[in-house]
Amino acid sequence: MEGGFLSGQMLIAMPGIGDPRFERSLVLLCAHDHDHAMGIAVNRPIEGLTVPDLLERLEIKADADLDEDLVLLGGPVEMERGFVVHTDDYHAEHSLDLGGGLSLTTTREVLEAMGRRDPQPRRAILTLGYAGWGAGQLEREIRQNVWLTVEADEALVFDGDYDTKWARALGKLGIDPQFLSAEAGQA
């Protein structure tokens, strides 16, 4: 956590977050500084929209046999804009290094790479939209116990078991989700 910022970390939404768009969300923070924060939810699949479907709609030729991975809803901001989180074995000119072996790319080039056999990222997820926070907003939400933070890892970011990612992220912190409450207490 460089300079108190959380880029490359994951946010775990606490029960009772008060915003159904983020209920049980797991968000990879791609950028965080004094002025803003930006992240991608990694556990909110868009039912019925697969990566091959989206590539076909964008008229991107796929030479490789693509898995029927679902496209994810990265967040409520600019939901028509695509983001690819991928392993850092693939690098495009405008890729953003997130640390921990992860990168973010928003160019068509990475979509074309996903459709090829080689070179392409070893692992990747395609999302539409992102989550954003203004100056100091995320820090306030963390102080208000809206979010917990945890180290990102490939299993949490890339695996397709979306229903268990939130609970597994809590488990990395030693927290059993069945013991969490949406109600705040006072000591």
N, C-alpha and C. Protein backbone atom coordinates (compact mmCIF):
# COMPACT_ATOMS: atom_id res chain seq x y z
N MET A 1 0.85 -1.18 0.00
CA MET A 1 0.00 0.00 0.00
C MET A 1 0.89 1.23 0.00
N GLU A 2 1.18 1.72 -1.18
CA GLU A 2 2.10 2.83 -1.37
C GLU A 2 1.45 4.15 -0.97
N GLY A 3 2.06 4.87 -0.02
CA GLY A 3 1.57 6.18 0.38
C GLY A 3 0.16 6.16 0.97
N GLY A 4 -0.28 5.01 1.50
CA GLY A 4 -1.61 4.92 2.07
C GLY A 4 -2.68 4.66 1.03
N PHE A 5 -2.30 4.42 -0.22
CA PHE A 5 -3.28 4.17 -1.27
C PHE A 5 -3.41 2.68 -1.53
N LEU A 6 -4.54 2.29 -2.09
CA LEU A 6 -4.90 0.88 -2.17
C LEU A 6 -4.93 0.31 -3.59
N SER A 7 -4.30 0.95 -4.55
CA SER A 7 -4.27 0.41 -5.91
C SER A 7 -3.75 -1.02 -5.88
N GLY A 8 -4.43 -1.91 -6.62
CA GLY A 8 -4.04 -3.31 -6.67
C GLY A 8 -4.62 -4.16 -5.56
N GLN A 9 -5.29 -3.55 -4.60
CA GLN A 9 -5.97 -4.27 -3.53
C GLN A 9 -7.42 -4.54 -3.94
N MET A 10 -8.12 -5.31 -3.13
CA MET A 10 -9.54 -5.57 -3.40
C MET A 10 -10.38 -5.02 -2.26
N LEU A 11 -11.54 -4.52 -2.64
CA LEU A 11 -12.53 -4.05 -1.68
C LEU A 11 -13.61 -5.11 -1.55
N ILE A 12 -13.99 -5.39 -0.32
CA ILE A 12 -15.07 -6.33 -0.03
C ILE A 12 -16.22 -5.52 0.56
N ALA A 13 -17.36 -5.54 -0.11
CA ALA A 13 -18.53 -4.79 0.39
C ALA A 13 -19.04 -5.45 1.66
N MET A 14 -19.29 -4.65 2.67
CA MET A 14 -19.84 -5.14 3.92
C MET A 14 -21.36 -5.28 3.80
N PRO A 15 -21.96 -6.21 4.55
CA PRO A 15 -23.42 -6.32 4.52
C PRO A 15 -24.04 -4.98 4.92
N GLY A 16 -25.14 -4.66 4.32
CA GLY A 16 -25.81 -3.41 4.64
C GLY A 16 -25.15 -2.21 3.99
N ILE A 17 -24.44 -2.40 2.89
CA ILE A 17 -23.73 -1.31 2.23
C ILE A 17 -24.69 -0.19 1.83
N GLY A 18 -25.96 -0.52 1.66
CA GLY A 18 -26.95 0.52 1.37
C GLY A 18 -27.07 0.87 -0.09
N ASP A 19 -26.37 0.15 -0.95
CA ASP A 19 -26.43 0.39 -2.39
C ASP A 19 -26.51 -0.97 -3.07
N PRO A 20 -27.67 -1.34 -3.61
CA PRO A 20 -27.82 -2.68 -4.19
C PRO A 20 -26.85 -2.96 -5.34
N ARG A 21 -26.32 -1.92 -5.95
CA ARG A 21 -25.34 -2.12 -7.04
C ARG A 21 -24.04 -2.71 -6.52
N PHE A 22 -23.81 -2.61 -5.21
CA PHE A 22 -22.55 -3.11 -4.64
C PHE A 22 -22.76 -4.19 -3.59
N GLU A 23 -23.98 -4.63 -3.37
CA GLU A 23 -24.24 -5.68 -2.38
C GLU A 23 -23.42 -6.92 -2.69
N ARG A 24 -22.63 -7.38 -1.72
CA ARG A 24 -21.76 -8.56 -1.84
C ARG A 24 -20.76 -8.43 -3.00
N SER A 25 -20.34 -7.20 -3.29
CA SER A 25 -19.38 -6.97 -4.37
C SER A 25 -17.95 -7.17 -3.90
N LEU A 26 -17.13 -7.57 -4.87
CA LEU A 26 -15.70 -7.67 -4.70
C LEU A 26 -15.09 -6.83 -5.81
N VAL A 27 -14.39 -5.76 -5.43
CA VAL A 27 -13.92 -4.76 -6.40
C VAL A 27 -12.39 -4.70 -6.37
N LEU A 28 -11.80 -4.86 -7.55
CA LEU A 28 -10.35 -4.70 -7.69
C LEU A 28 -10.07 -3.22 -7.92
N LEU A 29 -9.29 -2.61 -7.02
CA LEU A 29 -8.95 -1.20 -7.18
C LEU A 29 -7.82 -1.05 -8.19
N CYS A 30 -8.12 -0.35 -9.27
CA CYS A 30 -7.16 -0.17 -10.35
C CYS A 30 -6.38 1.13 -10.21
N ALA A 31 -6.97 2.11 -9.56
CA ALA A 31 -6.31 3.39 -9.33
C ALA A 31 -6.83 3.97 -8.03
N HIS A 32 -5.92 4.58 -7.27
CA HIS A 32 -6.31 5.23 -6.01
C HIS A 32 -5.24 6.25 -5.66
N ASP A 33 -5.64 7.49 -5.53
CA ASP A 33 -4.72 8.55 -5.12
C ASP A 33 -5.53 9.62 -4.38
N HIS A 34 -4.93 10.77 -4.14
CA HIS A 34 -5.60 11.84 -3.40
C HIS A 34 -6.87 12.33 -4.09
N ASP A 35 -6.91 12.25 -5.41
CA ASP A 35 -7.99 12.85 -6.17
C ASP A 35 -9.15 11.93 -6.49
N HIS A 36 -8.90 10.62 -6.56
CA HIS A 36 -9.97 9.71 -6.97
C HIS A 36 -9.58 8.26 -6.70
N ALA A 37 -10.56 7.39 -6.90
CA ALA A 37 -10.32 5.95 -6.89
C ALA A 37 -11.19 5.35 -7.99
N MET A 38 -10.68 4.28 -8.60
CA MET A 38 -11.39 3.60 -9.67
C MET A 38 -11.18 2.11 -9.51
N GLY A 39 -12.26 1.35 -9.62
CA GLY A 39 -12.17 -0.09 -9.48
C GLY A 39 -13.11 -0.83 -10.41
N ILE A 40 -12.90 -2.13 -10.48
CA ILE A 40 -13.67 -3.03 -11.34
C ILE A 40 -14.22 -4.15 -10.47
N ALA A 41 -15.55 -4.32 -10.45
CA ALA A 41 -16.16 -5.45 -9.74
C ALA A 41 -15.82 -6.73 -10.51
N VAL A 42 -15.43 -7.76 -9.79
CA VAL A 42 -14.99 -9.00 -10.43
C VAL A 42 -15.93 -10.18 -10.14
N ASN A 43 -17.08 -9.91 -9.56
CA ASN A 43 -17.99 -11.01 -9.23
C ASN A 43 -19.44 -10.73 -9.62
N ARG A 44 -19.65 -9.91 -10.64
CA ARG A 44 -21.01 -9.55 -11.05
C ARG A 44 -21.21 -9.88 -12.53
N PRO A 45 -21.47 -11.16 -12.86
CA PRO A 45 -21.63 -11.54 -14.26
C PRO A 45 -22.90 -10.95 -14.87
N ILE A 46 -22.82 -10.65 -16.16
CA ILE A 46 -23.98 -10.21 -16.92
C ILE A 46 -24.54 -11.47 -17.58
N GLU A 47 -25.62 -11.97 -17.03
CA GLU A 47 -26.20 -13.22 -17.52
C GLU A 47 -26.53 -13.11 -19.01
N GLY A 48 -26.12 -14.13 -19.76
CA GLY A 48 -26.45 -14.21 -21.17
C GLY A 48 -25.49 -13.48 -22.09
N LEU A 49 -24.47 -12.79 -21.55
CA LEU A 49 -23.51 -12.09 -22.40
C LEU A 49 -22.13 -12.70 -22.18
N THR A 50 -21.65 -13.43 -23.18
CA THR A 50 -20.34 -14.08 -23.08
C THR A 50 -19.29 -13.26 -23.81
N VAL A 51 -18.04 -13.55 -23.49
CA VAL A 51 -16.93 -12.89 -24.17
C VAL A 51 -16.99 -13.14 -25.68
N PRO A 52 -17.18 -14.38 -26.15
CA PRO A 52 -17.28 -14.57 -27.60
C PRO A 52 -18.43 -13.77 -28.23
N ASP A 53 -19.57 -13.68 -27.54
CA ASP A 53 -20.70 -12.89 -28.04
C ASP A 53 -20.30 -11.43 -28.21
N LEU A 54 -19.65 -10.88 -27.21
CA LEU A 54 -19.28 -9.47 -27.25
C LEU A 54 -18.23 -9.21 -28.34
N LEU A 55 -17.25 -10.11 -28.46
CA LEU A 55 -16.25 -9.94 -29.52
C LEU A 55 -16.92 -9.97 -30.89
N GLU A 56 -17.89 -10.86 -31.07
CA GLU A 56 -18.61 -10.93 -32.34
C GLU A 56 -19.38 -9.64 -32.61
N ARG A 57 -20.05 -9.10 -31.59
CA ARG A 57 -20.78 -7.85 -31.74
C ARG A 57 -19.85 -6.70 -32.13
N LEU A 58 -18.61 -6.75 -31.63
CA LEU A 58 -17.63 -5.71 -31.93
C LEU A 58 -16.87 -6.00 -33.23
N GLU A 59 -17.27 -7.08 -33.91
CA GLU A 59 -16.65 -7.50 -35.17
C GLU A 59 -15.15 -7.76 -35.02
N ILE A 60 -14.82 -8.42 -33.90
CA ILE A 60 -13.44 -8.84 -33.65
C ILE A 60 -13.36 -10.33 -33.93
N LYS A 61 -12.53 -10.68 -34.90
CA LYS A 61 -12.40 -12.07 -35.32
C LYS A 61 -11.67 -12.87 -34.24
N ALA A 62 -12.24 -14.01 -33.90
CA ALA A 62 -11.64 -14.89 -32.91
C ALA A 62 -11.10 -16.13 -33.60
N ASP A 63 -9.78 -16.26 -33.63
CA ASP A 63 -9.14 -17.44 -34.21
C ASP A 63 -9.05 -18.58 -33.20
N ALA A 64 -9.03 -18.24 -31.95
CA ALA A 64 -8.89 -19.23 -30.89
C ALA A 64 -10.28 -19.73 -30.48
N ASP A 65 -10.31 -20.94 -29.93
CA ASP A 65 -11.55 -21.45 -29.34
C ASP A 65 -11.69 -20.80 -27.98
N LEU A 66 -12.67 -19.92 -27.85
CA LEU A 66 -12.83 -19.16 -26.62
C LEU A 66 -13.79 -19.86 -25.67
N ASP A 67 -13.46 -19.82 -24.41
CA ASP A 67 -14.39 -20.31 -23.39
C ASP A 67 -15.61 -19.40 -23.39
N GLU A 68 -16.70 -19.90 -22.93
CA GLU A 68 -17.94 -19.12 -22.86
C GLU A 68 -17.99 -18.30 -21.56
N ASP A 69 -16.87 -17.67 -21.21
CA ASP A 69 -16.81 -16.84 -20.01
C ASP A 69 -17.82 -15.70 -20.13
N LEU A 70 -18.46 -15.39 -19.01
CA LEU A 70 -19.41 -14.29 -19.00
C LEU A 70 -18.69 -12.96 -18.91
N VAL A 71 -19.24 -11.95 -19.54
CA VAL A 71 -18.78 -10.58 -19.36
C VAL A 71 -19.27 -10.14 -18.00
N LEU A 72 -18.49 -9.34 -17.30
CA LEU A 72 -18.85 -8.89 -15.95
C LEU A 72 -19.29 -7.45 -15.97
N LEU A 73 -20.15 -7.10 -15.02
CA LEU A 73 -20.52 -5.70 -14.80
C LEU A 73 -19.50 -5.12 -13.84
N GLY A 74 -18.58 -4.32 -14.37
CA GLY A 74 -17.48 -3.77 -13.58
C GLY A 74 -17.92 -2.69 -12.61
N GLY A 75 -19.05 -2.05 -12.88
CA GLY A 75 -19.56 -1.00 -12.01
C GLY A 75 -20.57 -0.15 -12.74
N PRO A 76 -21.18 0.78 -12.01
CA PRO A 76 -22.29 1.55 -12.57
C PRO A 76 -21.89 2.76 -13.42
N VAL A 77 -20.60 3.03 -13.56
CA VAL A 77 -20.15 4.20 -14.31
C VAL A 77 -19.72 3.77 -15.70
N GLU A 78 -20.16 4.48 -16.73
CA GLU A 78 -19.79 4.21 -18.13
C GLU A 78 -19.94 2.73 -18.49
N MET A 79 -21.14 2.21 -18.31
CA MET A 79 -21.37 0.78 -18.52
C MET A 79 -21.24 0.35 -19.97
N GLU A 80 -21.12 1.29 -20.89
CA GLU A 80 -20.89 0.93 -22.29
C GLU A 80 -19.40 0.82 -22.61
N ARG A 81 -18.55 1.13 -21.65
CA ARG A 81 -17.10 1.12 -21.86
C ARG A 81 -16.51 -0.20 -21.33
N GLY A 82 -15.62 -0.81 -22.13
CA GLY A 82 -15.03 -2.08 -21.76
C GLY A 82 -13.68 -1.94 -21.09
N PHE A 83 -13.42 -2.86 -20.16
CA PHE A 83 -12.15 -2.92 -19.44
C PHE A 83 -11.74 -4.39 -19.39
N VAL A 84 -10.46 -4.66 -19.60
CA VAL A 84 -9.95 -6.02 -19.49
C VAL A 84 -8.91 -6.05 -18.39
N VAL A 85 -9.17 -6.85 -17.39
CA VAL A 85 -8.18 -7.13 -16.34
C VAL A 85 -7.53 -8.44 -16.75
N HIS A 86 -6.21 -8.45 -16.77
CA HIS A 86 -5.51 -9.64 -17.27
C HIS A 86 -4.19 -9.83 -16.54
N THR A 87 -3.62 -11.01 -16.74
CA THR A 87 -2.30 -11.29 -16.18
C THR A 87 -1.28 -10.44 -16.91
N ASP A 88 -0.21 -10.10 -16.21
CA ASP A 88 0.77 -9.17 -16.79
C ASP A 88 1.76 -9.83 -17.75
N ASP A 89 1.50 -11.08 -18.14
CA ASP A 89 2.31 -11.71 -19.19
C ASP A 89 1.99 -11.11 -20.55
N TYR A 90 0.86 -10.43 -20.65
CA TYR A 90 0.49 -9.71 -21.87
C TYR A 90 0.59 -8.22 -21.55
N HIS A 91 1.18 -7.46 -22.46
CA HIS A 91 1.31 -6.02 -22.23
C HIS A 91 1.04 -5.28 -23.53
N ALA A 92 0.10 -4.36 -23.49
CA ALA A 92 -0.18 -3.48 -24.62
C ALA A 92 0.44 -2.12 -24.30
N GLU A 93 0.49 -1.27 -25.29
CA GLU A 93 1.12 0.05 -25.12
C GLU A 93 0.50 0.83 -23.97
N HIS A 94 -0.81 0.72 -23.78
CA HIS A 94 -1.49 1.51 -22.75
C HIS A 94 -1.96 0.67 -21.56
N SER A 95 -1.33 -0.48 -21.32
CA SER A 95 -1.68 -1.30 -20.16
C SER A 95 -1.25 -0.60 -18.89
N LEU A 96 -2.07 -0.71 -17.87
CA LEU A 96 -1.77 -0.17 -16.55
C LEU A 96 -1.38 -1.32 -15.64
N ASP A 97 -0.18 -1.27 -15.08
CA ASP A 97 0.29 -2.29 -14.16
C ASP A 97 -0.40 -2.08 -12.82
N LEU A 98 -1.12 -3.12 -12.35
CA LEU A 98 -1.83 -3.04 -11.08
C LEU A 98 -1.04 -3.65 -9.94
N GLY A 99 0.09 -4.31 -10.26
CA GLY A 99 0.87 -5.00 -9.25
C GLY A 99 0.31 -6.40 -9.04
N GLY A 100 1.08 -7.23 -8.38
CA GLY A 100 0.65 -8.59 -8.08
C GLY A 100 0.39 -9.45 -9.30
N GLY A 101 1.05 -9.10 -10.43
CA GLY A 101 0.89 -9.90 -11.63
C GLY A 101 -0.34 -9.55 -12.46
N LEU A 102 -0.99 -8.42 -12.14
CA LEU A 102 -2.22 -8.01 -12.83
C LEU A 102 -2.03 -6.72 -13.61
N SER A 103 -2.76 -6.60 -14.70
CA SER A 103 -2.76 -5.38 -15.51
C SER A 103 -4.18 -5.07 -15.94
N LEU A 104 -4.38 -3.83 -16.35
CA LEU A 104 -5.67 -3.37 -16.88
C LEU A 104 -5.40 -2.74 -18.24
N THR A 105 -6.19 -3.13 -19.24
CA THR A 105 -6.06 -2.56 -20.56
C THR A 105 -7.45 -2.23 -21.08
N THR A 106 -7.58 -1.09 -21.73
CA THR A 106 -8.89 -0.65 -22.22
C THR A 106 -8.92 -0.48 -23.74
N THR A 107 -7.88 -0.91 -24.42
CA THR A 107 -7.83 -0.71 -25.87
C THR A 107 -8.40 -1.92 -26.61
N ARG A 108 -8.77 -1.69 -27.84
CA ARG A 108 -9.27 -2.77 -28.72
C ARG A 108 -8.20 -3.84 -28.90
N GLU A 109 -6.94 -3.44 -28.84
CA GLU A 109 -5.82 -4.36 -29.02
C GLU A 109 -5.91 -5.57 -28.10
N VAL A 110 -6.28 -5.36 -26.84
CA VAL A 110 -6.36 -6.49 -25.91
C VAL A 110 -7.54 -7.39 -26.26
N LEU A 111 -8.63 -6.83 -26.76
CA LEU A 111 -9.76 -7.66 -27.19
C LEU A 111 -9.36 -8.53 -28.37
N GLU A 112 -8.60 -7.96 -29.30
CA GLU A 112 -8.11 -8.74 -30.44
C GLU A 112 -7.16 -9.84 -29.96
N ALA A 113 -6.33 -9.53 -28.97
CA ALA A 113 -5.41 -10.54 -28.42
C ALA A 113 -6.19 -11.68 -27.75
N MET A 114 -7.29 -11.36 -27.08
CA MET A 114 -8.10 -12.39 -26.44
C MET A 114 -8.67 -13.36 -27.46
N GLY A 115 -8.89 -12.91 -28.69
CA GLY A 115 -9.44 -13.76 -29.74
C GLY A 115 -8.40 -14.56 -30.50
N ARG A 116 -7.12 -14.29 -30.25
CA ARG A 116 -6.03 -15.00 -30.93
C ARG A 116 -5.52 -16.14 -30.06
N ARG A 117 -4.83 -17.02 -30.68
CA ARG A 117 -4.17 -18.10 -29.93
C ARG A 117 -2.91 -17.57 -29.24
N ASP A 118 -2.19 -16.65 -29.90
CA ASP A 118 -0.92 -16.20 -29.35
C ASP A 118 -0.56 -14.86 -30.00
N PRO A 119 -0.05 -13.88 -29.37
CA PRO A 119 0.06 -13.79 -27.91
C PRO A 119 -1.24 -13.27 -27.31
N GLN A 120 -1.59 -13.81 -26.20
CA GLN A 120 -2.77 -13.37 -25.47
C GLN A 120 -2.48 -13.51 -23.99
N PRO A 121 -3.23 -12.81 -23.16
CA PRO A 121 -3.02 -12.97 -21.72
C PRO A 121 -3.32 -14.41 -21.29
N ARG A 122 -2.58 -14.88 -20.33
CA ARG A 122 -2.82 -16.23 -19.78
C ARG A 122 -4.21 -16.31 -19.18
N ARG A 123 -4.61 -15.27 -18.48
CA ARG A 123 -5.96 -15.19 -17.88
C ARG A 123 -6.47 -13.77 -18.04
N ALA A 124 -7.78 -13.65 -18.26
CA ALA A 124 -8.36 -12.32 -18.45
C ALA A 124 -9.85 -12.35 -18.14
N ILE A 125 -10.37 -11.20 -17.71
CA ILE A 125 -11.80 -11.00 -17.59
C ILE A 125 -12.15 -9.72 -18.33
N LEU A 126 -13.31 -9.72 -18.93
CA LEU A 126 -13.80 -8.57 -19.67
C LEU A 126 -14.98 -8.00 -18.90
N THR A 127 -14.92 -6.70 -18.62
CA THR A 127 -15.98 -6.06 -17.85
C THR A 127 -16.52 -4.85 -18.62
N LEU A 128 -17.73 -4.50 -18.30
CA LEU A 128 -18.34 -3.28 -18.81
C LEU A 128 -18.61 -2.38 -17.62
N GLY A 129 -18.15 -1.14 -17.69
CA GLY A 129 -18.34 -0.20 -16.60
C GLY A 129 -17.29 -0.32 -15.52
N TYR A 130 -17.33 0.66 -14.62
CA TYR A 130 -16.40 0.67 -13.49
C TYR A 130 -17.05 1.37 -12.31
N ALA A 131 -16.42 1.26 -11.17
CA ALA A 131 -16.84 1.97 -9.96
C ALA A 131 -15.87 3.12 -9.74
N GLY A 132 -16.38 4.27 -9.38
CA GLY A 132 -15.51 5.42 -9.16
C GLY A 132 -15.87 6.18 -7.90
N TRP A 133 -14.86 6.79 -7.31
CA TRP A 133 -15.01 7.58 -6.10
C TRP A 133 -14.26 8.89 -6.28
N GLY A 134 -14.81 9.96 -5.74
CA GLY A 134 -14.15 11.26 -5.77
C GLY A 134 -13.12 11.37 -4.66
N ALA A 135 -12.48 12.52 -4.58
CA ALA A 135 -11.44 12.78 -3.58
C ALA A 135 -11.96 12.51 -2.17
N GLY A 136 -11.30 11.61 -1.46
CA GLY A 136 -11.63 11.31 -0.08
C GLY A 136 -12.85 10.44 0.13
N GLN A 137 -13.63 10.19 -0.90
CA GLN A 137 -14.88 9.43 -0.74
C GLN A 137 -14.62 7.98 -0.31
N LEU A 138 -13.71 7.29 -0.98
CA LEU A 138 -13.44 5.90 -0.61
C LEU A 138 -12.87 5.82 0.80
N GLU A 139 -11.98 6.73 1.14
CA GLU A 139 -11.40 6.73 2.50
C GLU A 139 -12.51 6.87 3.55
N ARG A 140 -13.47 7.76 3.31
CA ARG A 140 -14.60 7.93 4.24
C ARG A 140 -15.41 6.63 4.34
N GLU A 141 -15.68 6.01 3.20
CA GLU A 141 -16.46 4.78 3.21
C GLU A 141 -15.73 3.66 3.97
N ILE A 142 -14.42 3.59 3.83
CA ILE A 142 -13.65 2.58 4.57
C ILE A 142 -13.72 2.87 6.07
N ARG A 143 -13.58 4.13 6.46
CA ARG A 143 -13.69 4.50 7.89
C ARG A 143 -15.09 4.19 8.44
N GLN A 144 -16.10 4.25 7.59
CA GLN A 144 -17.48 3.97 8.00
C GLN A 144 -17.80 2.47 7.92
N ASN A 145 -16.79 1.66 7.69
CA ASN A 145 -16.94 0.20 7.61
C ASN A 145 -17.85 -0.26 6.48
N VAL A 146 -17.86 0.48 5.38
CA VAL A 146 -18.60 0.09 4.19
C VAL A 146 -17.82 -0.97 3.42
N TRP A 147 -16.49 -0.87 3.47
CA TRP A 147 -15.60 -1.78 2.73
C TRP A 147 -14.52 -2.32 3.65
N LEU A 148 -14.13 -3.57 3.41
CA LEU A 148 -12.90 -4.14 3.95
C LEU A 148 -11.93 -4.27 2.79
N THR A 149 -10.65 -4.37 3.08
CA THR A 149 -9.66 -4.54 2.01
C THR A 149 -8.91 -5.85 2.20
N VAL A 150 -8.49 -6.42 1.07
CA VAL A 150 -7.75 -7.68 1.07
C VAL A 150 -6.82 -7.68 -0.13
N GLU A 151 -5.71 -8.42 -0.01
CA GLU A 151 -4.78 -8.56 -1.14
C GLU A 151 -5.49 -9.25 -2.30
N ALA A 152 -5.24 -8.78 -3.49
CA ALA A 152 -5.79 -9.42 -4.69
C ALA A 152 -5.00 -10.69 -4.99
N ASP A 153 -5.66 -11.68 -5.55
CA ASP A 153 -4.97 -12.86 -6.06
C ASP A 153 -5.72 -13.37 -7.29
N GLU A 154 -5.04 -14.17 -8.08
CA GLU A 154 -5.63 -14.63 -9.34
C GLU A 154 -6.94 -15.38 -9.15
N ALA A 155 -7.05 -16.20 -8.11
CA ALA A 155 -8.28 -16.97 -7.92
C ALA A 155 -9.47 -16.04 -7.69
N LEU A 156 -9.29 -15.01 -6.88
CA LEU A 156 -10.39 -14.09 -6.63
C LEU A 156 -10.73 -13.26 -7.87
N VAL A 157 -9.73 -12.89 -8.62
CA VAL A 157 -9.97 -12.04 -9.79
C VAL A 157 -10.54 -12.84 -10.95
N PHE A 158 -9.96 -14.00 -11.27
CA PHE A 158 -10.25 -14.65 -12.54
C PHE A 158 -11.19 -15.84 -12.49
N ASP A 159 -11.34 -16.53 -11.38
CA ASP A 159 -12.13 -17.75 -11.50
C ASP A 159 -13.61 -17.44 -11.68
N GLY A 160 -14.30 -18.37 -12.29
CA GLY A 160 -15.69 -18.16 -12.68
C GLY A 160 -16.72 -18.54 -11.64
N ASP A 161 -16.30 -18.85 -10.43
CA ASP A 161 -17.27 -19.17 -9.37
C ASP A 161 -17.67 -17.87 -8.68
N TYR A 162 -18.49 -17.10 -9.39
CA TYR A 162 -18.84 -15.75 -8.94
C TYR A 162 -19.62 -15.75 -7.63
N ASP A 163 -20.41 -16.79 -7.40
CA ASP A 163 -21.25 -16.83 -6.20
C ASP A 163 -20.46 -16.95 -4.90
N THR A 164 -19.23 -17.47 -4.97
CA THR A 164 -18.46 -17.67 -3.74
C THR A 164 -17.30 -16.69 -3.56
N LYS A 165 -17.05 -15.84 -4.55
CA LYS A 165 -15.88 -14.95 -4.46
C LYS A 165 -15.93 -14.04 -3.23
N TRP A 166 -17.08 -13.46 -2.96
CA TRP A 166 -17.22 -12.54 -1.83
C TRP A 166 -16.87 -13.25 -0.52
N ALA A 167 -17.46 -14.42 -0.31
CA ALA A 167 -17.21 -15.18 0.93
C ALA A 167 -15.74 -15.64 1.00
N ARG A 168 -15.17 -16.03 -0.14
CA ARG A 168 -13.76 -16.44 -0.13
C ARG A 168 -12.83 -15.27 0.19
N ALA A 169 -13.18 -14.08 -0.29
CA ALA A 169 -12.38 -12.89 0.04
C ALA A 169 -12.43 -12.63 1.54
N LEU A 170 -13.60 -12.72 2.12
CA LEU A 170 -13.72 -12.56 3.58
C LEU A 170 -12.91 -13.65 4.30
N GLY A 171 -12.95 -14.86 3.77
CA GLY A 171 -12.20 -15.96 4.37
C GLY A 171 -10.70 -15.70 4.40
N LYS A 172 -10.18 -14.98 3.40
CA LYS A 172 -8.76 -14.63 3.41
C LYS A 172 -8.41 -13.76 4.62
N LEU A 173 -9.42 -13.05 5.14
CA LEU A 173 -9.22 -12.21 6.33
C LEU A 173 -9.58 -12.95 7.62
N GLY A 174 -9.95 -14.22 7.48
CA GLY A 174 -10.34 -15.00 8.64
C GLY A 174 -11.76 -14.70 9.12
N ILE A 175 -12.60 -14.17 8.23
CA ILE A 175 -13.96 -13.79 8.60
C ILE A 175 -14.95 -14.76 7.97
N ASP A 176 -15.84 -15.30 8.77
CA ASP A 176 -16.91 -16.16 8.28
C ASP A 176 -18.11 -15.26 8.00
N PRO A 177 -18.58 -15.19 6.76
CA PRO A 177 -19.66 -14.26 6.41
C PRO A 177 -20.95 -14.49 7.18
N GLN A 178 -21.19 -15.69 7.66
CA GLN A 178 -22.43 -15.93 8.40
C GLN A 178 -22.47 -15.20 9.74
N PHE A 179 -21.31 -14.73 10.20
CA PHE A 179 -21.26 -14.00 11.46
C PHE A 179 -21.26 -12.48 11.29
N LEU A 180 -21.36 -12.02 10.03
CA LEU A 180 -21.43 -10.57 9.77
C LEU A 180 -22.88 -10.12 9.84
N SER A 181 -23.04 -8.92 10.31
CA SER A 181 -24.37 -8.33 10.40
C SER A 181 -24.37 -6.99 9.68
N ALA A 182 -25.52 -6.64 9.15
CA ALA A 182 -25.68 -5.34 8.51
C ALA A 182 -25.88 -4.24 9.54
N GLU A 183 -26.11 -4.63 10.77
CA GLU A 183 -26.33 -3.66 11.85
C GLU A 183 -25.02 -3.30 12.52
N ALA A 184 -24.80 -2.04 12.75
CA ALA A 184 -23.62 -1.57 13.47
C ALA A 184 -23.93 -1.52 14.96
N GLY A 185 -22.94 -1.85 15.75
CA GLY A 185 -23.10 -1.80 17.18
C GLY A 185 -22.26 -0.68 17.78
N GLN A 186 -22.48 -0.42 19.07
CA GLN A 186 -21.68 0.57 19.78
C GLN A 186 -21.14 -0.06 21.05
N ALA A 187 -19.92 0.25 21.34
CA ALA A 187 -19.30 -0.31 22.55
C ALA A 187 -19.40 0.71 23.67
